[in-house]
Amino acid sequence: MKKILPALLLGTACFAVGFVARPTAPDEITVPMLRSAQQLFGLSFTDAQLDSTRRNLTGYRDSYEALRKINLLNSVSPAVGFDPRPLRMRQAMVMAPKDNAGKLPATPKLKLPTNRNDLAFYTVRQLGELLRTKQVSSEELTKFFLARLQKYDPKLHCVITLTEELALQQARQADQEIKAGKYRGPLHGIPFGVKDLFSAKGYKTTWGSVPYKDQTLDEDAAVVERLRAAGGVLLAKLTLGELAQGDVWFGEKTRTPWDITKGSSGSSAGSASAVAAGLLPFAIGTETLGSIVSPSTACGVTGLRPT
């Protein structure tokens, strides 16, 4: 209803423009006004329900009015691409010689830490450099992060399914390819997890909801396919709030590692919690209305929110 009614109000306003002029928006959206509007769509919400959504509709209307005041020329291209690189990096790539196009800046020489536990908080690029230079194997990293997931998940409740068998298989394949000089790039051999909104062939895809807790989809999601093609190693299907809402799922409430009495927010709850605790180098989430940025804030991690 919150999406339909503002669209209706906007549509009637635009309809009027074609004949006379856009009417002045009333100061207040009233229940009788909404009651009349919903009749056009054959809806039958109660007055109490209509009253509860008035504030949201007023906010939507104000947003539409603000957008109409922006002088946006037809020559402005729509935001159909997403480039997470900082502006200075993009500018440097443009100025770089053509033979360096698309290449990441050189990584400083790294050595395997004496204390292997430090690997839990190495960046993806650092781990990738250790793998590329054969200082550590993908299988070793995979077993390291699997052990951390198993150790800390009982406190954080960030994992729905461990994909241990698949992970070890992918890690061993990555090691064989790297050893043979078939290096795929900076994600080759890197462990990762995905929000359990994505399907992974052979494993459950629960959406965090009781009715679907035994659901199996016999295909890989596109992002899972692409990460596999890049040489990534899938370790876990991670928690999400039920049907991508909040941080409560059918197993528990996912916690932030900074304070396990509090939830990690959602809906990409497990992805943010696992990365913050050093249980995975990176994880995939999804965003509809704050589902990446909110748990990133609660867990203190960097979240890239697609356009």
Foldseek 3Di string as FASTA:
>chain_A
DLVVQLVLVVVVQVVVCVPPHRDDDDPFDALVNSVVSCVVVPDDDDSVVSVVSRVSSVVSVVVVVVVVPDPDDPPDDDPPDDDPDDPVVVVVLVVDDPVCHPPDPDDPDDACDPPNVVVLQDALQRVLNCCLVVNDALLVVLVVLLVVCVVCCVLFVWFLDWPNVQQNVLRVVLSVCSVVVNQLDSQASFEEEEALCWADAPDARQQLEPVRSPHHDHDGGPVVVVSVSSRHGYTGHTQFHRNWAWQQGPPGGGAAPVDSVDGLTAGNRSQLRCSLVSSHNGYYDADDPCRFVSSCVSRVHDGDYGD
